PDB file of N, CA and C in Angstrom:
ATOM      1  N   MET A   1     -53.719  20.998  41.228  1.00  0.00           N
ATOM      2  CA  MET A   1     -54.253  19.838  41.908  1.00  0.00           C
ATOM      3  C   MET A   1     -55.412  19.242  41.112  1.00  0.00           C
ATOM      4  N   GLY A   2     -56.373  20.041  40.762  1.00  0.00           N
ATOM      5  CA  GLY A   2     -57.474  19.505  39.984  1.00  0.00           C
ATOM      6  C   GLY A   2     -58.657  19.156  40.854  1.00  0.00           C
ATOM      7  N   ARG A   3     -59.773  19.011  40.207  1.00  0.00           N
ATOM      8  CA  ARG A   3     -60.994  18.675  40.911  1.00  0.00           C
ATOM      9  C   ARG A   3     -60.901  17.279  41.480  1.00  0.00           C
ATOM     10  N   ARG A   4     -61.419  17.098  42.662  1.00  0.00           N
ATOM     11  CA  ARG A   4     -61.315  15.812  43.330  1.00  0.00           C
ATOM     12  C   ARG A   4     -62.094  14.716  42.587  1.00  0.00           C
ATOM     13  N   GLY A   5     -63.035  15.117  41.727  1.00  0.00           N
ATOM     14  CA  GLY A   5     -63.830  14.145  41.009  1.00  0.00           C
ATOM     15  C   GLY A   5     -63.097  13.451  39.870  1.00  0.00           C
ATOM     16  N   TYR A   6     -61.974  13.995  39.454  1.00  0.00           N
ATOM     17  CA  TYR A   6     -61.221  13.396  38.354  1.00  0.00           C
ATOM     18  C   TYR A   6     -60.001  12.675  38.909  1.00  0.00           C
ATOM     19  N   PRO A   7     -59.889  11.386  38.662  1.00  0.00           N
ATOM     20  CA  PRO A   7     -58.718  10.645  39.143  1.00  0.00           C
ATOM     21  C   PRO A   7     -57.443  11.106  38.431  1.00  0.00           C
ATOM     22  N   ALA A   8     -56.317  10.901  39.072  1.00  0.00           N
ATOM     23  CA  ALA A   8     -55.025  11.309  38.522  1.00  0.00           C
ATOM     24  C   ALA A   8     -54.757  10.639  37.180  1.00  0.00           C
ATOM     25  N   GLU A   9     -55.172   9.391  37.026  1.00  0.00           N
ATOM     26  CA  GLU A   9     -54.946   8.671  35.770  1.00  0.00           C
ATOM     27  C   GLU A   9     -55.688   9.347  34.615  1.00  0.00           C
ATOM     28  N   PHE A  10     -56.904   9.794  34.890  1.00  0.00           N
ATOM     29  CA  PHE A  10     -57.697  10.484  33.871  1.00  0.00           C
ATOM     30  C   PHE A  10     -57.015  11.787  33.465  1.00  0.00           C
ATOM     31  N   ARG A  11     -56.581  12.571  34.462  1.00  0.00           N
ATOM     32  CA  ARG A  11     -55.888  13.827  34.169  1.00  0.00           C
ATOM     33  C   ARG A  11     -54.639  13.565  33.331  1.00  0.00           C
ATOM     34  N   ARG A  12     -53.895  12.509  33.679  1.00  0.00           N
ATOM     35  CA  ARG A  12     -52.676  12.183  32.943  1.00  0.00           C
ATOM     36  C   ARG A  12     -52.997  11.837  31.480  1.00  0.00           C
ATOM     37  N   LYS A  13     -54.070  11.065  31.272  1.00  0.00           N
ATOM     38  CA  LYS A  13     -54.455  10.692  29.903  1.00  0.00           C
ATOM     39  C   LYS A  13     -54.890  11.916  29.099  1.00  0.00           C
ATOM     40  N   VAL A  14     -55.597  12.835  29.737  1.00  0.00           N
ATOM     41  CA  VAL A  14     -56.012  14.069  29.064  1.00  0.00           C
ATOM     42  C   VAL A  14     -54.782  14.856  28.642  1.00  0.00           C
ATOM     43  N   LEU A  15     -53.823  14.996  29.556  1.00  0.00           N
ATOM     44  CA  LEU A  15     -52.600  15.739  29.230  1.00  0.00           C
ATOM     45  C   LEU A  15     -51.801  15.044  28.132  1.00  0.00           C
ATOM     46  N   ASP A  16     -51.808  13.727  28.135  1.00  0.00           N
ATOM     47  CA  ASP A  16     -51.120  12.983  27.078  1.00  0.00           C
ATOM     48  C   ASP A  16     -51.762  13.237  25.714  1.00  0.00           C
ATOM     49  N   LEU A  17     -53.093  13.317  25.685  1.00  0.00           N
ATOM     50  CA  LEU A  17     -53.791  13.609  24.425  1.00  0.00           C
ATOM     51  C   LEU A  17     -53.406  14.990  23.899  1.00  0.00           C
ATOM     52  N   VAL A  18     -53.353  15.962  24.806  1.00  0.00           N
ATOM     53  CA  VAL A  18     -52.990  17.322  24.405  1.00  0.00           C
ATOM     54  C   VAL A  18     -51.535  17.358  23.945  1.00  0.00           C
ATOM     55  N   GLN A  19     -50.682  16.674  24.660  1.00  0.00           N
ATOM     56  CA  GLN A  19     -49.257  16.653  24.301  1.00  0.00           C
ATOM     57  C   GLN A  19     -49.041  15.933  22.957  1.00  0.00           C
ATOM     58  N   ALA A  20     -49.907  14.987  22.649  1.00  0.00           N
ATOM     59  CA  ALA A  20     -49.786  14.249  21.392  1.00  0.00           C
ATOM     60  C   ALA A  20     -50.216  15.087  20.189  1.00  0.00           C
ATOM     61  N   GLY A  21     -50.765  16.276  20.440  1.00  0.00           N
ATOM     62  CA  GLY A  21     -51.088  17.155  19.331  1.00  0.00           C
ATOM     63  C   GLY A  21     -52.549  17.531  19.196  1.00  0.00           C
ATOM     64  N   ARG A  22     -53.418  16.908  19.969  1.00  0.00           N
ATOM     65  CA  ARG A  22     -54.837  17.278  19.895  1.00  0.00           C
ATOM     66  C   ARG A  22     -55.034  18.632  20.562  1.00  0.00           C
ATOM     67  N   SER A  23     -55.959  19.398  20.070  1.00  0.00           N
ATOM     68  CA  SER A  23     -56.199  20.727  20.647  1.00  0.00           C
ATOM     69  C   SER A  23     -56.935  20.581  21.974  1.00  0.00           C
ATOM     70  N   VAL A  24     -56.687  21.547  22.840  1.00  0.00           N
ATOM     71  CA  VAL A  24     -57.345  21.540  24.153  1.00  0.00           C
ATOM     72  C   VAL A  24     -58.854  21.594  23.972  1.00  0.00           C
ATOM     73  N   ALA A  25     -59.330  22.401  23.028  1.00  0.00           N
ATOM     74  CA  ALA A  25     -60.772  22.535  22.793  1.00  0.00           C
ATOM     75  C   ALA A  25     -61.392  21.206  22.357  1.00  0.00           C
ATOM     76  N   ASP A  26     -60.705  20.479  21.479  1.00  0.00           N
ATOM     77  CA  ASP A  26     -61.227  19.187  21.017  1.00  0.00           C
ATOM     78  C   ASP A  26     -61.298  18.176  22.159  1.00  0.00           C
ATOM     79  N   VAL A  27     -60.231  18.086  22.914  1.00  0.00           N
ATOM     80  CA  VAL A  27     -60.201  17.133  24.031  1.00  0.00           C
ATOM     81  C   VAL A  27     -61.277  17.491  25.039  1.00  0.00           C
ATOM     82  N   ALA A  28     -61.404  18.781  25.349  1.00  0.00           N
ATOM     83  CA  ALA A  28     -62.413  19.225  26.313  1.00  0.00           C
ATOM     84  C   ALA A  28     -63.817  18.892  25.822  1.00  0.00           C
ATOM     85  N   HIS A  29     -64.067  19.132  24.552  1.00  0.00           N
ATOM     86  CA  HIS A  29     -65.389  18.845  23.991  1.00  0.00           C
ATOM     87  C   HIS A  29     -65.681  17.347  24.015  1.00  0.00           C
ATOM     88  N   ASP A  30     -64.712  16.550  23.579  1.00  0.00           N
ATOM     89  CA  ASP A  30     -64.910  15.097  23.510  1.00  0.00           C
ATOM     90  C   ASP A  30     -65.129  14.471  24.880  1.00  0.00           C
ATOM     91  N   LEU A  31     -64.455  15.002  25.902  1.00  0.00           N
ATOM     92  CA  LEU A  31     -64.538  14.411  27.243  1.00  0.00           C
ATOM     93  C   LEU A  31     -65.497  15.166  28.167  1.00  0.00           C
ATOM     94  N   ASP A  32     -66.139  16.202  27.618  1.00  0.00           N
ATOM     95  CA  ASP A  32     -67.118  16.998  28.363  1.00  0.00           C
ATOM     96  C   ASP A  32     -66.521  17.594  29.657  1.00  0.00           C
ATOM     97  N   ILE A  33     -65.347  18.203  29.517  1.00  0.00           N
ATOM     98  CA  ILE A  33     -64.739  18.964  30.613  1.00  0.00           C
ATOM     99  C   ILE A  33     -64.373  20.333  30.058  1.00  0.00           C
ATOM    100  N   SER A  34     -64.155  21.286  30.933  1.00  0.00           N
ATOM    101  CA  SER A  34     -63.875  22.641  30.455  1.00  0.00           C
ATOM    102  C   SER A  34     -62.425  22.787  29.997  1.00  0.00           C
ATOM    103  N   THR A  35     -62.237  23.707  29.069  1.00  0.00           N
ATOM    104  CA  THR A  35     -60.877  23.989  28.601  1.00  0.00           C
ATOM    105  C   THR A  35     -60.036  24.571  29.732  1.00  0.00           C
ATOM    106  N   GLU A  36     -60.669  25.368  30.591  1.00  0.00           N
ATOM    107  CA  GLU A  36     -59.949  25.961  31.715  1.00  0.00           C
ATOM    108  C   GLU A  36     -59.373  24.887  32.632  1.00  0.00           C
ATOM    109  N   THR A  37     -60.119  23.804  32.807  1.00  0.00           N
ATOM    110  CA  THR A  37     -59.653  22.698  33.631  1.00  0.00           C
ATOM    111  C   THR A  37     -58.404  22.077  33.029  1.00  0.00           C
ATOM    112  N   ILE A  38     -58.427  21.849  31.738  1.00  0.00           N
ATOM    113  CA  ILE A  38     -57.267  21.248  31.068  1.00  0.00           C
ATOM    114  C   ILE A  38     -56.066  22.184  31.144  1.00  0.00           C
ATOM    115  N   TYR A  39     -56.297  23.478  30.927  1.00  0.00           N
ATOM    116  CA  TYR A  39     -55.187  24.432  31.023  1.00  0.00           C
ATOM    117  C   TYR A  39     -54.596  24.449  32.434  1.00  0.00           C
ATOM    118  N   ALA A  40     -55.453  24.355  33.443  1.00  0.00           N
ATOM    119  CA  ALA A  40     -54.962  24.333  34.829  1.00  0.00           C
ATOM    120  C   ALA A  40     -54.147  23.069  35.081  1.00  0.00           C
ATOM    121  N   TRP A  41     -54.634  21.935  34.583  1.00  0.00           N
ATOM    122  CA  TRP A  41     -53.884  20.677  34.744  1.00  0.00           C
ATOM    123  C   TRP A  41     -52.539  20.758  34.040  1.00  0.00           C
ATOM    124  N   ARG A  42     -52.537  21.345  32.841  1.00  0.00           N
ATOM    125  CA  ARG A  42     -51.288  21.464  32.086  1.00  0.00           C
ATOM    126  C   ARG A  42     -50.300  22.392  32.802  1.00  0.00           C
ATOM    127  N   ARG A  43     -50.816  23.511  33.338  1.00  0.00           N
ATOM    128  CA  ARG A  43     -49.960  24.438  34.079  1.00  0.00           C
ATOM    129  C   ARG A  43     -49.356  23.755  35.300  1.00  0.00           C
ATOM    130  N   GLN A  44     -50.173  22.996  36.044  1.00  0.00           N
ATOM    131  CA  GLN A  44     -49.672  22.296  37.232  1.00  0.00           C
ATOM    132  C   GLN A  44     -48.680  21.207  36.841  1.00  0.00           C
ATOM    133  N   ASP A  45     -48.929  20.543  35.744  1.00  0.00           N
ATOM    134  CA  ASP A  45     -48.006  19.508  35.273  1.00  0.00           C
ATOM    135  C   ASP A  45     -46.645  20.117  34.931  1.00  0.00           C
ATOM    136  N   ARG A  46     -46.647  21.284  34.307  1.00  0.00           N
ATOM    137  CA  ARG A  46     -45.385  21.959  33.994  1.00  0.00           C
ATOM    138  C   ARG A  46     -44.649  22.360  35.268  1.00  0.00           C
ATOM    139  N   ILE A  47     -45.384  22.782  36.280  1.00  0.00           N
ATOM    140  CA  ILE A  47     -44.767  23.121  37.573  1.00  0.00           C
ATOM    141  C   ILE A  47     -44.171  21.867  38.207  1.00  0.00           C
ATOM    142  N   ASP A  48     -44.935  20.783  38.188  1.00  0.00           N
ATOM    143  CA  ASP A  48     -44.460  19.523  38.779  1.00  0.00           C
ATOM    144  C   ASP A  48     -43.204  19.003  38.088  1.00  0.00           C
ATOM    145  N   GLN A  49     -43.079  19.265  36.794  1.00  0.00           N
ATOM    146  CA  GLN A  49     -41.910  18.823  36.037  1.00  0.00           C
ATOM    147  C   GLN A  49     -40.733  19.786  36.176  1.00  0.00           C
ATOM    148  N   GLY A  50     -40.956  20.922  36.840  1.00  0.00           N
ATOM    149  CA  GLY A  50     -39.888  21.891  37.017  1.00  0.00           C
ATOM    150  C   GLY A  50     -39.705  22.817  35.830  1.00  0.00           C
ATOM    151  N   LEU A  51     -40.669  22.842  34.929  1.00  0.00           N
ATOM    152  CA  LEU A  51     -40.570  23.684  33.734  1.00  0.00           C
ATOM    153  C   LEU A  51     -41.145  25.078  33.955  1.00  0.00           C
ATOM    154  N   ALA A  52     -41.880  25.261  35.040  1.00  0.00           N
ATOM    155  CA  ALA A  52     -42.481  26.560  35.352  1.00  0.00           C
ATOM    156  C   ALA A  52     -42.384  26.782  36.863  1.00  0.00           C
ATOM    157  N   PRO A  53     -42.314  28.040  37.276  1.00  0.00           N
ATOM    158  CA  PRO A  53     -42.235  28.318  38.711  1.00  0.00           C
ATOM    159  C   PRO A  53     -43.590  28.104  39.386  1.00  0.00           C
ATOM    160  N   GLY A  54     -43.536  27.750  40.648  1.00  0.00           N
ATOM    161  CA  GLY A  54     -44.761  27.565  41.426  1.00  0.00           C
ATOM    162  C   GLY A  54     -44.629  26.402  42.387  1.00  0.00           C
ATOM    163  N   ARG A  55     -45.679  26.185  43.165  1.00  0.00           N
ATOM    164  CA  ARG A  55     -45.686  25.076  44.119  1.00  0.00           C
ATOM    165  C   ARG A  55     -46.063  23.787  43.409  1.00  0.00           C
ATOM    166  N   THR A  56     -45.305  22.746  43.682  1.00  0.00           N
ATOM    167  CA  THR A  56     -45.613  21.445  43.091  1.00  0.00           C
ATOM    168  C   THR A  56     -46.832  20.851  43.785  1.00  0.00           C
ATOM    169  N   SER A  57     -47.397  19.821  43.177  1.00  0.00           N
ATOM    170  CA  SER A  57     -48.552  19.143  43.768  1.00  0.00           C
ATOM    171  C   SER A  57     -48.208  18.588  45.141  1.00  0.00           C
ATOM    172  N   THR A  58     -47.004  18.048  45.272  1.00  0.00           N
ATOM    173  CA  THR A  58     -46.564  17.507  46.560  1.00  0.00           C
ATOM    174  C   THR A  58     -46.486  18.604  47.600  1.00  0.00           C
ATOM    175  N   GLU A  59     -45.916  19.729  47.233  1.00  0.00           N
ATOM    176  CA  GLU A  59     -45.816  20.855  48.168  1.00  0.00           C
ATOM    177  C   GLU A  59     -47.197  21.357  48.575  1.00  0.00           C
ATOM    178  N   LYS A  60     -48.117  21.418  47.614  1.00  0.00           N
ATOM    179  CA  LYS A  60     -49.477  21.862  47.924  1.00  0.00           C
ATOM    180  C   LYS A  60     -50.157  20.897  48.895  1.00  0.00           C
ATOM    181  N   THR A  61     -49.957  19.603  48.668  1.00  0.00           N
ATOM    182  CA  THR A  61     -50.554  18.602  49.554  1.00  0.00           C
ATOM    183  C   THR A  61     -49.979  18.710  50.958  1.00  0.00           C
ATOM    184  N   GLU A  62     -48.651  18.843  51.047  1.00  0.00           N
ATOM    185  CA  GLU A  62     -48.001  18.973  52.359  1.00  0.00           C
ATOM    186  C   GLU A  62     -48.433  20.247  53.064  1.00  0.00           C
ATOM    187  N   LEU A  63     -48.542  21.345  52.323  1.00  0.00           N
ATOM    188  CA  LEU A  63     -48.963  22.613  52.908  1.00  0.00           C
ATOM    189  C   LEU A  63     -50.401  22.526  53.425  1.00  0.00           C
ATOM    190  N   ALA A  64     -51.275  21.889  52.664  1.00  0.00           N
ATOM    191  CA  ALA A  64     -52.660  21.732  53.098  1.00  0.00           C
ATOM    192  C   ALA A  64     -52.734  20.891  54.364  1.00  0.00           C
ATOM    193  N   ALA A  65     -51.940  19.819  54.433  1.00  0.00           N
ATOM    194  CA  ALA A  65     -51.924  18.970  55.633  1.00  0.00           C
ATOM    195  C   ALA A  65     -51.379  19.744  56.828  1.00  0.00           C
ATOM    196  N   ALA A  66     -50.335  20.537  56.602  1.00  0.00           N
ATOM    197  CA  ALA A  66     -49.760  21.333  57.687  1.00  0.00           C
ATOM    198  C   ALA A  66     -50.760  22.374  58.186  1.00  0.00           C
ATOM    199  N   ASN A  67     -51.455  23.032  57.267  1.00  0.00           N
ATOM    200  CA  ASN A  67     -52.455  24.028  57.662  1.00  0.00           C
ATOM    201  C   ASN A  67     -53.601  23.390  58.429  1.00  0.00           C
ATOM    202  N   LYS A  68     -53.996  22.200  58.021  1.00  0.00           N
ATOM    203  CA  LYS A  68     -55.065  21.491  58.730  1.00  0.00           C
ATOM    204  C   LYS A  68     -54.615  21.147  60.147  1.00  0.00           C
ATOM    205  N   ARG A  69     -53.373  20.679  60.280  1.00  0.00           N
ATOM    206  CA  ARG A  69     -52.839  20.326  61.607  1.00  0.00           C
ATOM    207  C   ARG A  69     -52.718  21.562  62.483  1.00  0.00           C
ATOM    208  N   ILE A  70     -52.288  22.680  61.913  1.00  0.00           N
ATOM    209  CA  ILE A  70     -52.194  23.927  62.671  1.00  0.00           C
ATOM    210  C   ILE A  70     -53.564  24.334  63.188  1.00  0.00           C
ATOM    211  N   ALA A  71     -54.581  24.233  62.337  1.00  0.00           N
ATOM    212  CA  ALA A  71     -55.944  24.582  62.756  1.00  0.00           C
ATOM    213  C   ALA A  71     -56.408  23.674  63.894  1.00  0.00           C
ATOM    214  N   GLU A  72     -56.094  22.378  63.806  1.00  0.00           N
ATOM    215  CA  GLU A  72     -56.467  21.442  64.877  1.00  0.00           C
ATOM    216  C   GLU A  72     -55.767  21.815  66.182  1.00  0.00           C
ATOM    217  N   LEU A  73     -54.485  22.139  66.095  1.00  0.00           N
ATOM    218  CA  LEU A  73     -53.733  22.494  67.300  1.00  0.00           C
ATOM    219  C   LEU A  73     -54.230  23.811  67.907  1.00  0.00           C
ATOM    220  N   GLU A  74     -54.586  24.769  67.055  1.00  0.00           N
ATOM    221  CA  GLU A  74     -55.128  26.026  67.561  1.00  0.00           C
ATOM    222  C   GLU A  74     -56.461  25.807  68.266  1.00  0.00           C
ATOM    223  N   THR A  75     -57.280  24.931  67.718  1.00  0.00           N
ATOM    224  CA  THR A  75     -58.559  24.606  68.355  1.00  0.00           C
ATOM    225  C   THR A  75     -58.320  23.928  69.702  1.00  0.00           C
ATOM    226  N   GLU A  76     -57.395  22.977  69.720  1.00  0.00           N
ATOM    227  CA  GLU A  76     -57.063  22.283  70.958  1.00  0.00           C
ATOM    228  C   GLU A  76     -56.534  23.264  72.006  1.00  0.00           C
ATOM    229  N   LEU A  77     -55.683  24.186  71.595  1.00  0.00           N
ATOM    230  CA  LEU A  77     -55.135  25.178  72.513  1.00  0.00           C
ATOM    231  C   LEU A  77     -56.232  26.073  73.063  1.00  0.00           C
ATOM    232  N   ALA A  78     -57.176  26.473  72.211  1.00  0.00           N
ATOM    233  CA  ALA A  78     -58.288  27.306  72.661  1.00  0.00           C
ATOM    234  C   ALA A  78     -59.134  26.562  73.694  1.00  0.00           C
ATOM    235  N   ILE A  79     -59.333  25.266  73.481  1.00  0.00           N
ATOM    236  CA  ILE A  79     -60.094  24.457  74.440  1.00  0.00           C
ATOM    237  C   ILE A  79     -59.363  24.393  75.778  1.00  0.00           C
ATOM    238  N   HIS A  80     -58.061  24.175  75.731  1.00  0.00           N
ATOM    239  CA  HIS A  80     -57.274  24.111  76.974  1.00  0.00           C
ATOM    240  C   HIS A  80     -57.274  25.447  77.700  1.00  0.00           C
ATOM    241  N   ARG A  81     -57.164  26.525  76.953  1.00  0.00           N
ATOM    242  CA  ARG A  81     -57.196  27.853  77.582  1.00  0.00           C
ATOM    243  C   ARG A  81     -58.539  28.109  78.240  1.00  0.00           C
ATOM    244  N   ARG A  82     -59.613  27.770  77.545  1.00  0.00           N
ATOM    245  CA  ARG A  82     -60.958  27.979  78.104  1.00  0.00           C
ATOM    246  C   ARG A  82     -61.162  27.108  79.342  1.00  0.00           C
ATOM    247  N   ALA A  83     -60.702  25.866  79.292  1.00  0.00           N
ATOM    248  CA  ALA A  83     -60.822  24.976  80.452  1.00  0.00           C
ATOM    249  C   ALA A  83     -60.019  25.534  81.626  1.00  0.00           C
ATOM    250  N   SER A  84     -58.860  26.063  81.350  1.00  0.00           N
ATOM    251  CA  SER A  84     -58.028  26.646  82.395  1.00  0.00           C
ATOM    252  C   SER A  84     -58.720  27.847  83.028  1.00  0.00           C
ATOM    253  N   GLU A  85     -59.349  28.673  82.199  1.00  0.00           N
ATOM    254  CA  GLU A  85     -60.101  29.818  82.722  1.00  0.00           C
ATOM    255  C   GLU A  85     -61.232  29.367  83.623  1.00  0.00           C
ATOM    256  N   LEU A  86     -61.973  28.360  83.173  1.00  0.00           N
ATOM    257  CA  LEU A  86     -63.104  27.884  83.959  1.00  0.00           C
ATOM    258  C   LEU A  86     -62.657  27.241  85.264  1.00  0.00           C
ATOM    259  N   LEU A  87     -61.596  26.456  85.197  1.00  0.00           N
ATOM    260  CA  LEU A  87     -61.099  25.814  86.411  1.00  0.00           C
ATOM    261  C   LEU A  87     -60.519  26.838  87.372  1.00  0.00           C
ATOM    262  N   GLY A  88     -59.936  27.884  86.869  1.00  0.00           N
ATOM    263  CA  GLY A  88     -59.394  28.933  87.724  1.00  0.00           C
ATOM    264  C   GLY A  88     -60.484  29.640  88.498  1.00  0.00           C
ATOM    265  N   LYS A  89     -61.677  29.730  87.932  1.00  0.00           N
ATOM    266  CA  LYS A  89     -62.805  30.373  88.612  1.00  0.00           C
ATOM    267  C   LYS A  89     -63.459  29.440  89.615  1.00  0.00           C
ATOM    268  N   VAL A  90     -63.462  28.154  89.351  1.00  0.00           N
ATOM    269  CA  VAL A  90     -64.139  27.185  90.209  1.00  0.00           C
ATOM    270  C   VAL A  90     -63.249  26.753  91.362  1.00  0.00           C
ATOM    271  N   VAL A  91     -62.019  26.445  91.076  1.00  0.00           N
ATOM    272  CA  VAL A  91     -61.096  25.944  92.088  1.00  0.00           C
ATOM    273  C   VAL A  91     -60.003  26.985  92.298  1.00  0.00           C
ATOM    274  N   PRO A  92     -60.053  27.682  93.430  1.00  0.00           N
ATOM    275  CA  PRO A  92     -59.012  28.685  93.660  1.00  0.00           C
ATOM    276  C   PRO A  92     -57.658  28.013  93.855  1.00  0.00           C
ATOM    277  N   PRO A  93     -56.599  28.656  93.407  1.00  0.00           N
ATOM    278  CA  PRO A  93     -55.276  28.054  93.583  1.00  0.00           C
ATOM    279  C   PRO A  93     -54.888  28.000  95.047  1.00  0.00           C
ATOM    280  N   LYS A  94     -54.117  26.991  95.404  1.00  0.00           N
ATOM    281  CA  LYS A  94     -53.665  26.841  96.789  1.00  0.00           C
ATOM    282  C   LYS A  94     -52.526  27.816  97.049  1.00  0.00           C
ATOM    283  N   ASP A  95     -52.524  28.387  98.242  1.00  0.00           N
ATOM    284  CA  ASP A  95     -51.448  29.307  98.627  1.00  0.00           C
ATOM    285  C   ASP A  95     -50.424  28.537  99.440  1.00  0.00           C
ATOM    286  N   GLY A  96     -49.396  28.052  98.799  1.00  0.00           N
ATOM    287  CA  GLY A  96     -48.351  27.336  99.508  1.00  0.00           C
ATOM    288  C   GLY A  96     -48.840  25.987  99.998  1.00  0.00           C
ATOM    289  N   SER A  97     -48.038  25.358 100.791  1.00  0.00           N
ATOM    290  CA  SER A  97     -48.415  24.053 101.336  1.00  0.00           C
ATOM    291  C   SER A  97     -48.831  24.211 102.786  1.00  0.00           C
ATOM    292  N   ARG A  98     -49.711  23.346 103.232  1.00  0.00           N
ATOM    293  CA  ARG A  98     -50.134  23.365 104.631  1.00  0.00           C
ATOM    294  C   ARG A  98     -49.206  22.509 105.454  1.00  0.00           C
ATOM    295  N   ARG A  99     -49.073  22.890 106.676  1.00  0.00           N
ATOM    296  CA  ARG A  99     -48.264  22.070 107.564  1.00  0.00           C
ATOM    297  C   ARG A  99     -49.044  20.869 108.019  1.00  0.00           C
ATOM    298  N   SER A 100     -48.379  19.776 108.167  1.00  0.00           N
ATOM    299  CA  SER A 100     -49.018  18.549 108.634  1.00  0.00           C
ATOM    300  C   SER A 100     -49.264  18.654 110.129  1.00  0.00           C
ATOM    301  N   ARG A 101     -50.265  18.012 110.621  1.00  0.00           N
ATOM    302  CA  ARG A 101     -50.537  18.013 112.046  1.00  0.00           C
ATOM    303  C   ARG A 101     -49.775  16.983 112.763  1.00  0.00           C
TER     304      ARG A 101
END
């Protein structure tokens, strides 16, 4: 995925420079980014292209969104459960229906 501070276009240009034959160390030095960052971008790019096993960027994004939604739903469920507990203590349940007069 890469650091959020670097736009996708920048990452693509860095990878293009490396693919064109420049060394990772030179590109990293010239652009003041770490070599580890470039290697991570290159590894993810190979995964996205299907050249290496792993989760694609799209899959990672979808998984992160799904996990966030699950966390929201779990929080909502906990709130509903707690409200149900509190209401059960305050308002006793009715026992059947009353007959009309």
